Amino acid sequence: MRRVFALFLLLLLLSGCGAGGSDAAPAVSPTIDPTNWMAGHEGDAAAFAAIYPVSEDNPFLIVSFEEVVRYFEIGTGVLVFGFPECPRCANAFPVLERAFREMGMDRYEGFRGSILYFDIFEDREADNERYRALVELTKDFLRSDDSGNPRIYSPDVFFVNAGTIVGNHLDTVPSLTNPRDPLDDEQTAELMGIYMDLIAKMEDCGC
């Protein structure tokens, strides 16, 4: 059902539906192709390292809304929602990078060998069409807000196999009560284990 919705959404965007409003989603580029998704992302590692405490040669790619939708349709790999002012993201992303490398995911080429990152903040604040589309695609895995509506919090890391969400992990670890505090060694190991288990589940999925 999720793939059907993603395809329907892409067709709507390509046909220009809703293009009159300021928060309407932009048209999907016809150049988005799973065989050439890396085009245009050459400087992403450096840009990401300037925002978050990760390595200079980190595997993060800063992706567009259209690439996220396409990934949830056919992609395999790791995708995370975050934003620069999120202290939990600053704690989580270096650990996610370590877990990703430890599991050998960087042996792959293209998007599967990368961690896709989408800045959710502005779309979520505007509650625009793009945000509502992403909520629809991920709602079965989201935490609800105080009104009982599914909401994309950060950092939420999704593990996807052939367009099927295998699992996700929100936040860091429960024992970190102040998100601005750094993770200690025990907390880092716990979060590493969570990420590595989900990567293994994603890799072993017969989706």
N, C-alpha and C. Protein backbone atom coordinates (compact mmCIF):
# COMPACT_ATOMS: atom_id res chain seq x y z
N MET A 1 0.83 -1.20 0.00
CA MET A 1 0.00 0.00 0.00
C MET A 1 0.87 1.26 0.00
N ARG A 2 2.00 1.19 0.77
CA ARG A 2 2.88 2.35 0.83
C ARG A 2 3.47 2.66 -0.54
N ARG A 3 3.83 1.62 -1.29
CA ARG A 3 4.40 1.84 -2.62
C ARG A 3 3.35 2.44 -3.56
N VAL A 4 2.11 1.97 -3.43
CA VAL A 4 1.04 2.52 -4.27
C VAL A 4 0.87 4.00 -3.99
N PHE A 5 0.89 4.36 -2.68
CA PHE A 5 0.75 5.77 -2.33
C PHE A 5 1.92 6.59 -2.87
N ALA A 6 3.13 6.06 -2.75
CA ALA A 6 4.31 6.79 -3.23
C ALA A 6 4.22 7.04 -4.72
N LEU A 7 3.81 6.01 -5.47
CA LEU A 7 3.68 6.18 -6.91
C LEU A 7 2.60 7.19 -7.24
N PHE A 8 1.47 7.13 -6.50
CA PHE A 8 0.39 8.08 -6.71
C PHE A 8 0.85 9.50 -6.43
N LEU A 9 1.62 9.65 -5.35
CA LEU A 9 2.14 10.97 -4.99
C LEU A 9 3.06 11.51 -6.08
N LEU A 10 3.94 10.66 -6.58
CA LEU A 10 4.85 11.11 -7.63
C LEU A 10 4.09 11.53 -8.89
N LEU A 11 3.04 10.78 -9.23
CA LEU A 11 2.24 11.13 -10.40
C LEU A 11 1.54 12.46 -10.21
N LEU A 12 1.04 12.70 -8.98
CA LEU A 12 0.40 13.97 -8.69
C LEU A 12 1.38 15.13 -8.83
N LEU A 13 2.58 14.95 -8.29
CA LEU A 13 3.57 16.02 -8.35
C LEU A 13 4.02 16.28 -9.77
N LEU A 14 4.18 15.21 -10.53
CA LEU A 14 4.59 15.38 -11.92
C LEU A 14 3.52 16.10 -12.74
N SER A 15 2.25 15.88 -12.39
CA SER A 15 1.17 16.52 -13.14
C SER A 15 0.92 17.94 -12.69
N GLY A 16 1.62 18.38 -11.63
CA GLY A 16 1.52 19.76 -11.19
C GLY A 16 0.36 20.01 -10.26
N CYS A 17 -0.26 18.99 -9.70
CA CYS A 17 -1.39 19.18 -8.79
C CYS A 17 -0.94 19.96 -7.57
N GLY A 18 -1.74 20.94 -7.19
CA GLY A 18 -1.43 21.73 -6.00
C GLY A 18 -0.32 22.71 -6.21
N ALA A 19 0.03 23.02 -7.44
CA ALA A 19 1.17 23.89 -7.68
C ALA A 19 0.88 25.35 -7.42
N GLY A 20 -0.37 25.68 -7.11
CA GLY A 20 -0.69 27.09 -6.94
C GLY A 20 -0.35 27.63 -5.59
N GLY A 21 -0.23 26.80 -4.54
CA GLY A 21 0.02 27.28 -3.19
C GLY A 21 1.49 27.43 -2.90
N SER A 22 1.79 28.26 -1.90
CA SER A 22 3.20 28.49 -1.56
C SER A 22 3.85 27.29 -0.94
N ASP A 23 3.02 26.37 -0.33
CA ASP A 23 3.61 25.20 0.31
C ASP A 23 3.45 23.96 -0.56
N ALA A 24 3.12 24.13 -1.81
CA ALA A 24 2.96 22.98 -2.70
C ALA A 24 4.32 22.34 -2.97
N ALA A 25 4.32 21.02 -3.12
CA ALA A 25 5.56 20.31 -3.40
C ALA A 25 6.02 20.62 -4.81
N PRO A 26 7.33 20.77 -5.02
CA PRO A 26 7.84 21.03 -6.36
C PRO A 26 7.69 19.82 -7.25
N ALA A 27 7.72 20.04 -8.54
CA ALA A 27 7.63 18.93 -9.48
C ALA A 27 8.81 18.00 -9.31
N VAL A 28 8.57 16.71 -9.50
CA VAL A 28 9.63 15.73 -9.38
C VAL A 28 10.52 15.80 -10.62
N SER A 29 11.82 15.83 -10.37
CA SER A 29 12.76 15.88 -11.49
C SER A 29 12.77 14.56 -12.23
N PRO A 30 12.64 14.57 -13.55
CA PRO A 30 12.68 13.31 -14.30
C PRO A 30 14.06 12.67 -14.30
N THR A 31 15.08 13.38 -13.77
CA THR A 31 16.43 12.84 -13.76
C THR A 31 16.68 11.93 -12.55
N ILE A 32 15.74 11.88 -11.59
CA ILE A 32 15.94 11.00 -10.43
C ILE A 32 15.87 9.56 -10.91
N ASP A 33 16.98 8.86 -10.74
CA ASP A 33 17.12 7.52 -11.28
C ASP A 33 17.94 6.72 -10.27
N PRO A 34 17.47 5.55 -9.82
CA PRO A 34 18.22 4.78 -8.82
C PRO A 34 19.60 4.36 -9.29
N THR A 35 19.87 4.42 -10.59
CA THR A 35 21.20 4.07 -11.09
C THR A 35 22.14 5.27 -11.09
N ASN A 36 21.60 6.48 -10.83
CA ASN A 36 22.44 7.68 -10.89
C ASN A 36 22.03 8.67 -9.82
N TRP A 37 21.66 8.16 -8.64
CA TRP A 37 21.19 9.04 -7.58
C TRP A 37 22.31 9.87 -6.96
N MET A 38 23.56 9.50 -7.15
CA MET A 38 24.65 10.21 -6.49
C MET A 38 24.97 11.54 -7.15
N ALA A 39 24.47 11.75 -8.35
CA ALA A 39 24.75 13.00 -9.05
C ALA A 39 24.25 14.19 -8.24
N GLY A 40 25.12 15.19 -8.08
CA GLY A 40 24.75 16.39 -7.34
C GLY A 40 25.01 16.32 -5.85
N HIS A 41 25.53 15.20 -5.35
CA HIS A 41 25.77 15.03 -3.92
C HIS A 41 27.26 15.02 -3.57
N GLU A 42 28.09 15.48 -4.49
CA GLU A 42 29.54 15.37 -4.29
C GLU A 42 30.03 16.13 -3.06
N GLY A 43 29.40 17.24 -2.70
CA GLY A 43 29.87 18.04 -1.56
C GLY A 43 29.11 17.81 -0.27
N ASP A 44 28.27 16.78 -0.25
CA ASP A 44 27.40 16.59 0.91
C ASP A 44 28.15 16.22 2.19
N ALA A 45 29.18 15.38 2.07
CA ALA A 45 29.91 14.95 3.26
C ALA A 45 30.51 16.15 3.99
N ALA A 46 31.14 17.05 3.23
CA ALA A 46 31.75 18.24 3.84
C ALA A 46 30.68 19.15 4.44
N ALA A 47 29.57 19.31 3.74
CA ALA A 47 28.49 20.16 4.25
C ALA A 47 27.89 19.57 5.53
N PHE A 48 27.76 18.26 5.56
CA PHE A 48 27.19 17.61 6.74
C PHE A 48 28.14 17.71 7.93
N ALA A 49 29.44 17.53 7.68
CA ALA A 49 30.43 17.61 8.74
C ALA A 49 30.54 19.02 9.32
N ALA A 50 30.12 20.03 8.56
CA ALA A 50 30.12 21.40 9.06
C ALA A 50 28.96 21.66 10.01
N ILE A 51 27.98 20.76 10.01
CA ILE A 51 26.79 20.92 10.85
C ILE A 51 26.84 19.99 12.06
N TYR A 52 27.27 18.76 11.84
CA TYR A 52 27.22 17.72 12.88
C TYR A 52 28.62 17.18 13.18
N PRO A 53 28.83 16.63 14.38
CA PRO A 53 30.16 16.11 14.76
C PRO A 53 30.44 14.73 14.20
N VAL A 54 30.55 14.65 12.89
CA VAL A 54 30.86 13.40 12.20
C VAL A 54 32.20 13.56 11.50
N SER A 55 32.69 12.48 10.90
CA SER A 55 33.99 12.54 10.22
C SER A 55 33.87 13.33 8.92
N GLU A 56 35.01 13.79 8.44
CA GLU A 56 35.02 14.56 7.19
C GLU A 56 34.61 13.72 5.99
N ASP A 57 34.86 12.41 6.06
CA ASP A 57 34.49 11.54 4.94
C ASP A 57 33.26 10.71 5.30
N ASN A 58 32.36 11.33 6.03
CA ASN A 58 31.15 10.65 6.49
C ASN A 58 30.28 10.20 5.30
N PRO A 59 29.38 9.20 5.52
CA PRO A 59 28.56 8.67 4.42
C PRO A 59 27.20 9.36 4.26
N PHE A 60 27.01 10.51 4.92
CA PHE A 60 25.70 11.17 4.86
C PHE A 60 25.51 11.95 3.55
N LEU A 61 24.33 11.82 2.99
CA LEU A 61 23.92 12.59 1.83
C LEU A 61 22.73 13.46 2.21
N ILE A 62 22.74 14.71 1.81
CA ILE A 62 21.65 15.63 2.10
C ILE A 62 20.69 15.56 0.91
N VAL A 63 19.54 14.90 1.11
CA VAL A 63 18.68 14.58 -0.02
C VAL A 63 17.44 15.47 -0.07
N SER A 64 16.80 15.46 -1.21
CA SER A 64 15.60 16.25 -1.45
C SER A 64 14.34 15.47 -1.09
N PHE A 65 13.24 16.18 -1.00
CA PHE A 65 11.95 15.54 -0.77
C PHE A 65 11.66 14.48 -1.84
N GLU A 66 11.93 14.82 -3.09
CA GLU A 66 11.66 13.89 -4.17
C GLU A 66 12.48 12.61 -4.04
N GLU A 67 13.72 12.75 -3.59
CA GLU A 67 14.57 11.57 -3.40
C GLU A 67 14.08 10.72 -2.24
N VAL A 68 13.57 11.36 -1.19
CA VAL A 68 13.02 10.61 -0.06
C VAL A 68 11.81 9.79 -0.50
N VAL A 69 10.90 10.42 -1.22
CA VAL A 69 9.71 9.72 -1.70
C VAL A 69 10.10 8.54 -2.58
N ARG A 70 11.03 8.77 -3.49
CA ARG A 70 11.49 7.71 -4.38
C ARG A 70 12.14 6.58 -3.58
N TYR A 71 12.89 6.94 -2.55
CA TYR A 71 13.57 5.93 -1.73
C TYR A 71 12.57 5.05 -1.01
N PHE A 72 11.52 5.67 -0.47
CA PHE A 72 10.50 4.88 0.21
C PHE A 72 9.68 4.04 -0.77
N GLU A 73 9.87 4.29 -2.05
CA GLU A 73 9.19 3.48 -3.05
C GLU A 73 10.03 2.26 -3.44
N ILE A 74 11.33 2.45 -3.68
CA ILE A 74 12.14 1.34 -4.21
C ILE A 74 13.49 1.18 -3.52
N GLY A 75 13.88 2.10 -2.64
CA GLY A 75 15.26 2.13 -2.13
C GLY A 75 15.56 1.07 -1.09
N THR A 76 16.86 0.85 -0.88
CA THR A 76 17.37 -0.01 0.19
C THR A 76 18.49 0.73 0.91
N GLY A 77 18.39 0.81 2.24
CA GLY A 77 19.43 1.48 3.00
C GLY A 77 18.86 2.23 4.19
N VAL A 78 19.59 3.25 4.61
CA VAL A 78 19.28 3.97 5.84
C VAL A 78 18.94 5.42 5.50
N LEU A 79 17.85 5.90 6.10
CA LEU A 79 17.39 7.27 5.88
C LEU A 79 16.99 7.87 7.21
N VAL A 80 17.40 9.12 7.44
CA VAL A 80 17.14 9.74 8.74
C VAL A 80 16.53 11.13 8.56
N PHE A 81 15.57 11.45 9.43
CA PHE A 81 15.01 12.79 9.51
C PHE A 81 15.66 13.52 10.69
N GLY A 82 16.09 14.75 10.46
CA GLY A 82 16.68 15.55 11.52
C GLY A 82 16.65 17.01 11.16
N PHE A 83 17.35 17.82 11.96
CA PHE A 83 17.56 19.23 11.63
C PHE A 83 18.71 19.75 12.48
N PRO A 84 19.41 20.79 12.02
CA PRO A 84 20.67 21.19 12.66
C PRO A 84 20.56 21.58 14.13
N GLU A 85 19.44 22.15 14.55
CA GLU A 85 19.32 22.61 15.93
C GLU A 85 18.92 21.48 16.89
N CYS A 86 18.80 20.28 16.41
CA CYS A 86 18.37 19.13 17.22
C CYS A 86 19.56 18.54 17.98
N PRO A 87 19.61 18.68 19.32
CA PRO A 87 20.75 18.14 20.05
C PRO A 87 20.80 16.61 20.03
N ARG A 88 19.66 15.98 19.94
CA ARG A 88 19.64 14.52 19.86
C ARG A 88 20.30 14.04 18.56
N CYS A 89 20.13 14.82 17.49
CA CYS A 89 20.77 14.47 16.22
C CYS A 89 22.28 14.51 16.35
N ALA A 90 22.79 15.54 17.01
CA ALA A 90 24.24 15.67 17.19
C ALA A 90 24.81 14.50 17.98
N ASN A 91 24.02 13.95 18.90
CA ASN A 91 24.45 12.77 19.65
C ASN A 91 24.35 11.50 18.82
N ALA A 92 23.29 11.41 18.02
CA ALA A 92 23.00 10.16 17.33
C ALA A 92 23.85 9.94 16.09
N PHE A 93 24.08 10.98 15.31
CA PHE A 93 24.66 10.78 13.99
C PHE A 93 26.09 10.23 13.99
N PRO A 94 26.96 10.65 14.93
CA PRO A 94 28.29 10.01 14.94
C PRO A 94 28.21 8.52 15.25
N VAL A 95 27.27 8.13 16.11
CA VAL A 95 27.10 6.72 16.44
C VAL A 95 26.52 5.96 15.25
N LEU A 96 25.58 6.58 14.57
CA LEU A 96 25.01 5.95 13.37
C LEU A 96 26.09 5.75 12.31
N GLU A 97 26.96 6.73 12.15
CA GLU A 97 28.06 6.59 11.20
C GLU A 97 28.94 5.40 11.56
N ARG A 98 29.29 5.27 12.84
CA ARG A 98 30.14 4.16 13.28
C ARG A 98 29.45 2.82 13.04
N ALA A 99 28.16 2.73 13.38
CA ALA A 99 27.43 1.48 13.20
C ALA A 99 27.33 1.12 11.72
N PHE A 100 27.12 2.12 10.89
CA PHE A 100 27.00 1.92 9.44
C PHE A 100 28.30 1.34 8.88
N ARG A 101 29.42 1.88 9.31
CA ARG A 101 30.72 1.39 8.84
C ARG A 101 31.02 0.02 9.44
N GLU A 102 30.71 -0.17 10.71
CA GLU A 102 30.97 -1.45 11.37
C GLU A 102 30.24 -2.59 10.67
N MET A 103 29.06 -2.30 10.17
CA MET A 103 28.26 -3.31 9.46
C MET A 103 28.65 -3.44 7.99
N GLY A 104 29.64 -2.67 7.56
CA GLY A 104 30.14 -2.78 6.20
C GLY A 104 29.22 -2.20 5.14
N MET A 105 28.32 -1.30 5.53
CA MET A 105 27.39 -0.74 4.56
C MET A 105 28.08 0.17 3.54
N ASP A 106 29.23 0.70 3.93
CA ASP A 106 29.94 1.60 3.01
C ASP A 106 30.63 0.84 1.87
N ARG A 107 30.48 -0.47 1.85
CA ARG A 107 31.02 -1.24 0.71
C ARG A 107 30.13 -1.09 -0.52
N TYR A 108 28.91 -0.65 -0.31
CA TYR A 108 28.00 -0.50 -1.44
C TYR A 108 28.25 0.82 -2.16
N GLU A 109 27.89 0.85 -3.42
CA GLU A 109 27.94 2.08 -4.18
C GLU A 109 26.58 2.76 -4.14
N GLY A 110 26.57 4.06 -4.47
CA GLY A 110 25.30 4.77 -4.57
C GLY A 110 24.63 5.02 -3.23
N PHE A 111 23.30 5.17 -3.27
CA PHE A 111 22.57 5.54 -2.06
C PHE A 111 22.58 4.45 -1.00
N ARG A 112 22.66 3.18 -1.41
CA ARG A 112 22.68 2.11 -0.41
C ARG A 112 23.94 2.20 0.46
N GLY A 113 25.02 2.68 -0.10
CA GLY A 113 26.25 2.83 0.65
C GLY A 113 26.37 4.17 1.34
N SER A 114 25.24 4.86 1.49
CA SER A 114 25.21 6.18 2.12
C SER A 114 24.07 6.22 3.14
N ILE A 115 24.11 7.20 4.02
CA ILE A 115 23.00 7.46 4.94
C ILE A 115 22.29 8.70 4.43
N LEU A 116 21.05 8.55 4.05
CA LEU A 116 20.29 9.67 3.50
C LEU A 116 19.76 10.52 4.65
N TYR A 117 19.93 11.83 4.52
CA TYR A 117 19.49 12.78 5.55
C TYR A 117 18.55 13.79 4.94
N PHE A 118 17.38 13.96 5.59
CA PHE A 118 16.44 14.97 5.15
C PHE A 118 16.12 15.90 6.33
N ASP A 119 16.32 17.20 6.11
CA ASP A 119 16.00 18.21 7.13
C ASP A 119 14.49 18.41 7.14
N ILE A 120 13.86 17.96 8.21
CA ILE A 120 12.40 17.95 8.30
C ILE A 120 11.82 19.23 8.89
N PHE A 121 12.65 20.10 9.44
CA PHE A 121 12.16 21.18 10.30
C PHE A 121 11.17 22.13 9.60
N GLU A 122 11.58 22.71 8.48
CA GLU A 122 10.74 23.73 7.85
C GLU A 122 9.42 23.16 7.35
N ASP A 123 9.47 21.99 6.74
CA ASP A 123 8.24 21.38 6.25
C ASP A 123 7.32 21.02 7.41
N ARG A 124 7.89 20.54 8.50
CA ARG A 124 7.07 20.19 9.66
C ARG A 124 6.44 21.43 10.29
N GLU A 125 7.22 22.51 10.40
CA GLU A 125 6.68 23.74 10.97
C GLU A 125 5.55 24.30 10.11
N ALA A 126 5.68 24.18 8.80
CA ALA A 126 4.66 24.69 7.90
C ALA A 126 3.48 23.72 7.77
N ASP A 127 3.68 22.48 8.20
CA ASP A 127 2.66 21.44 8.03
C ASP A 127 2.16 21.44 6.59
N ASN A 128 3.09 21.46 5.66
CA ASN A 128 2.75 21.62 4.25
C ASN A 128 2.50 20.27 3.57
N GLU A 129 2.27 20.30 2.28
CA GLU A 129 1.97 19.08 1.54
C GLU A 129 3.12 18.08 1.59
N ARG A 130 4.32 18.59 1.54
CA ARG A 130 5.48 17.70 1.59
C ARG A 130 5.54 16.97 2.92
N TYR A 131 5.34 17.70 4.01
CA TYR A 131 5.38 17.07 5.33
C TYR A 131 4.27 16.04 5.48
N ARG A 132 3.07 16.39 5.06
CA ARG A 132 1.94 15.47 5.19
C ARG A 132 2.16 14.22 4.34
N ALA A 133 2.82 14.37 3.19
CA ALA A 133 3.13 13.21 2.36
C ALA A 133 4.13 12.29 3.06
N LEU A 134 5.14 12.87 3.71
CA LEU A 134 6.13 12.06 4.42
C LEU A 134 5.51 11.37 5.63
N VAL A 135 4.61 12.05 6.32
CA VAL A 135 3.90 11.42 7.43
C VAL A 135 3.08 10.23 6.93
N GLU A 136 2.42 10.40 5.81
CA GLU A 136 1.60 9.32 5.25
C GLU A 136 2.46 8.11 4.92
N LEU A 137 3.65 8.35 4.40
CA LEU A 137 4.54 7.26 4.02
C LEU A 137 5.10 6.51 5.22
N THR A 138 5.22 7.17 6.35
CA THR A 138 5.90 6.59 7.52
C THR A 138 5.00 6.43 8.74
N LYS A 139 3.72 6.73 8.63
CA LYS A 139 2.83 6.87 9.79
C LYS A 139 2.76 5.62 10.67
N ASP A 140 2.92 4.44 10.08
CA ASP A 140 2.85 3.22 10.88
C ASP A 140 4.01 3.09 11.85
N PHE A 141 5.04 3.91 11.68
CA PHE A 141 6.24 3.81 12.51
C PHE A 141 6.46 5.06 13.37
N LEU A 142 5.55 6.01 13.31
CA LEU A 142 5.75 7.30 13.98
C LEU A 142 5.13 7.34 15.36
N ARG A 143 5.72 8.16 16.23
CA ARG A 143 5.14 8.46 17.52
C ARG A 143 4.06 9.53 17.33
N SER A 144 3.02 9.46 18.15
CA SER A 144 1.94 10.45 18.05
C SER A 144 2.25 11.67 18.90
N ASP A 145 1.74 12.82 18.48
CA ASP A 145 1.89 14.04 19.27
C ASP A 145 0.81 14.10 20.35
N ASP A 146 0.71 15.21 21.06
CA ASP A 146 -0.23 15.32 22.17
C ASP A 146 -1.68 15.25 21.72
N SER A 147 -1.91 15.51 20.44
CA SER A 147 -3.28 15.45 19.90
C SER A 147 -3.60 14.08 19.30
N GLY A 148 -2.65 13.17 19.38
CA GLY A 148 -2.86 11.84 18.85
C GLY A 148 -2.57 11.68 17.38
N ASN A 149 -1.94 12.68 16.77
CA ASN A 149 -1.60 12.63 15.35
C ASN A 149 -0.17 12.14 15.15
N PRO A 150 0.08 11.29 14.16
CA PRO A 150 1.47 10.86 13.91
C PRO A 150 2.33 12.05 13.53
N ARG A 151 3.54 12.09 14.08
CA ARG A 151 4.42 13.23 13.87
C ARG A 151 5.84 12.71 13.66
N ILE A 152 6.58 13.37 12.77
CA ILE A 152 7.98 13.01 12.55
C ILE A 152 8.84 13.80 13.52
N TYR A 153 9.34 13.11 14.54
CA TYR A 153 10.28 13.70 15.48
C TYR A 153 11.70 13.41 15.01
N SER A 154 12.68 13.97 15.71
CA SER A 154 14.07 13.81 15.27
C SER A 154 14.97 13.45 16.45
N PRO A 155 16.02 12.66 16.19
CA PRO A 155 16.31 11.98 14.92
C PRO A 155 15.51 10.68 14.81
N ASP A 156 14.89 10.47 13.69
CA ASP A 156 14.20 9.21 13.44
C ASP A 156 14.90 8.54 12.26
N VAL A 157 15.48 7.37 12.53
CA VAL A 157 16.28 6.66 11.54
C VAL A 157 15.47 5.49 11.00
N PHE A 158 15.30 5.45 9.69
CA PHE A 158 14.53 4.40 9.04
C PHE A 158 15.45 3.46 8.27
N PHE A 159 15.13 2.17 8.35
CA PHE A 159 15.90 1.13 7.69
C PHE A 159 14.98 0.49 6.65
N VAL A 160 15.35 0.62 5.37
CA VAL A 160 14.45 0.32 4.25
C VAL A 160 15.06 -0.75 3.36
N ASN A 161 14.25 -1.69 2.94
CA ASN A 161 14.69 -2.71 2.00
C ASN A 161 13.70 -2.78 0.86
N ALA A 162 14.16 -2.45 -0.35
CA ALA A 162 13.33 -2.48 -1.55
C ALA A 162 12.02 -1.72 -1.36
N GLY A 163 12.12 -0.56 -0.71
CA GLY A 163 10.95 0.28 -0.51
C GLY A 163 10.09 -0.08 0.68
N THR A 164 10.43 -1.14 1.39
CA THR A 164 9.69 -1.55 2.57
C THR A 164 10.44 -1.11 3.83
N ILE A 165 9.77 -0.42 4.72
CA ILE A 165 10.39 -0.03 5.98
C ILE A 165 10.48 -1.25 6.88
N VAL A 166 11.70 -1.65 7.19
CA VAL A 166 11.95 -2.83 8.02
C VAL A 166 11.87 -2.47 9.50
N GLY A 167 12.27 -1.25 9.84
CA GLY A 167 12.23 -0.80 11.22
C GLY A 167 12.73 0.62 11.31
N ASN A 168 12.63 1.20 12.48
CA ASN A 168 13.14 2.56 12.70
C ASN A 168 13.53 2.71 14.16
N HIS A 169 14.31 3.76 14.43
CA HIS A 169 14.68 4.07 15.81
C HIS A 169 14.63 5.57 16.00
N LEU A 170 13.85 5.98 17.00
CA LEU A 170 13.69 7.39 17.31
C LEU A 170 14.52 7.76 18.53
N ASP A 171 15.15 8.93 18.49
CA ASP A 171 15.91 9.46 19.61
C ASP A 171 17.22 8.69 19.77
N THR A 172 17.77 8.67 20.98
CA THR A 172 19.03 7.96 21.23
C THR A 172 18.76 6.78 22.16
N VAL A 173 18.98 6.95 23.47
CA VAL A 173 18.68 5.89 24.44
C VAL A 173 17.91 6.50 25.61
N PRO A 174 17.04 5.72 26.26
CA PRO A 174 16.19 6.27 27.32
C PRO A 174 16.96 6.84 28.51
N SER A 175 18.15 6.32 28.77
CA SER A 175 18.90 6.77 29.93
C SER A 175 19.48 8.17 29.77
N LEU A 176 19.48 8.70 28.56
CA LEU A 176 19.98 10.06 28.34
C LEU A 176 18.82 11.02 28.57
N THR A 177 18.71 11.51 29.79
CA THR A 177 17.56 12.35 30.15
C THR A 177 17.69 13.78 29.66
N ASN A 178 18.92 14.28 29.54
CA ASN A 178 19.14 15.61 28.99
C ASN A 178 19.75 15.45 27.60
N PRO A 179 19.01 15.77 26.54
CA PRO A 179 19.52 15.51 25.19
C PRO A 179 20.77 16.30 24.84
N ARG A 180 21.08 17.35 25.61
CA ARG A 180 22.28 18.14 25.33
C ARG A 180 23.53 17.55 25.98
N ASP A 181 23.35 16.57 26.85
CA ASP A 181 24.50 15.88 27.43
C ASP A 181 25.08 14.90 26.41
N PRO A 182 26.39 14.73 26.38
CA PRO A 182 26.96 13.73 25.48
C PRO A 182 26.66 12.31 25.96
N LEU A 183 26.63 11.39 25.05
CA LEU A 183 26.48 9.98 25.41
C LEU A 183 27.75 9.49 26.09
N ASP A 184 27.59 8.71 27.16
CA ASP A 184 28.77 8.09 27.75
C ASP A 184 29.07 6.79 27.00
N ASP A 185 30.12 6.09 27.40
CA ASP A 185 30.53 4.90 26.67
C ASP A 185 29.45 3.82 26.66
N GLU A 186 28.78 3.64 27.79
CA GLU A 186 27.74 2.62 27.87
C GLU A 186 26.56 2.98 26.98
N GLN A 187 26.17 4.23 26.99
CA GLN A 187 25.05 4.67 26.15
C GLN A 187 25.41 4.59 24.67
N THR A 188 26.64 4.93 24.34
CA THR A 188 27.08 4.81 22.96
C THR A 188 27.03 3.38 22.48
N ALA A 189 27.50 2.45 23.33
CA ALA A 189 27.47 1.03 22.97
C ALA A 189 26.04 0.54 22.81
N GLU A 190 25.14 1.01 23.66
CA GLU A 190 23.73 0.61 23.55
C GLU A 190 23.13 1.09 22.23
N LEU A 191 23.39 2.35 21.88
CA LEU A 191 22.84 2.89 20.65
C LEU A 191 23.48 2.22 19.43
N MET A 192 24.78 1.94 19.51
CA MET A 192 25.45 1.21 18.43
C MET A 192 24.77 -0.13 18.19
N GLY A 193 24.46 -0.83 19.29
CA GLY A 193 23.81 -2.14 19.18
C GLY A 193 22.44 -2.05 18.53
N ILE A 194 21.69 -1.01 18.88
CA ILE A 194 20.36 -0.81 18.29
C ILE A 194 20.47 -0.61 16.78
N TYR A 195 21.37 0.29 16.38
CA TYR A 195 21.54 0.57 14.96
C TYR A 195 22.05 -0.66 14.21
N MET A 196 23.01 -1.35 14.77
CA MET A 196 23.58 -2.52 14.09
C MET A 196 22.55 -3.64 13.94
N ASP A 197 21.72 -3.83 14.97
CA ASP A 197 20.67 -4.85 14.87
C ASP A 197 19.68 -4.51 13.77
N LEU A 198 19.33 -3.23 13.65
CA LEU A 198 18.37 -2.83 12.62
C LEU A 198 18.98 -2.91 11.21
N ILE A 199 20.26 -2.59 11.09
CA ILE A 199 20.94 -2.75 9.81
C ILE A 199 20.96 -4.24 9.40
N ALA A 200 21.27 -5.11 10.37
CA ALA A 200 21.28 -6.55 10.08
C ALA A 200 19.90 -7.02 9.66
N LYS A 201 18.87 -6.54 10.35
CA LYS A 201 17.50 -6.90 9.99
C LYS A 201 17.15 -6.43 8.59
N MET A 202 17.58 -5.24 8.26
CA MET A 202 17.34 -4.68 6.92
C MET A 202 18.06 -5.51 5.85
N GLU A 203 19.30 -5.88 6.12
CA GLU A 203 20.09 -6.64 5.16
C GLU A 203 19.54 -8.05 4.97
N ASP A 204 18.97 -8.62 6.03
CA ASP A 204 18.48 -10.00 5.95
C ASP A 204 17.04 -10.08 5.49
N CYS A 205 16.39 -8.94 5.34
CA CYS A 205 14.97 -8.93 4.99
C CYS A 205 14.75 -9.52 3.60
N GLY A 206 13.79 -10.40 3.50
CA GLY A 206 13.44 -10.97 2.20
C GLY A 206 12.32 -10.19 1.54
N CYS A 207 12.38 -8.85 1.69
CA CYS A 207 11.29 -8.01 1.19
C CYS A 207 11.19 -8.06 -0.34
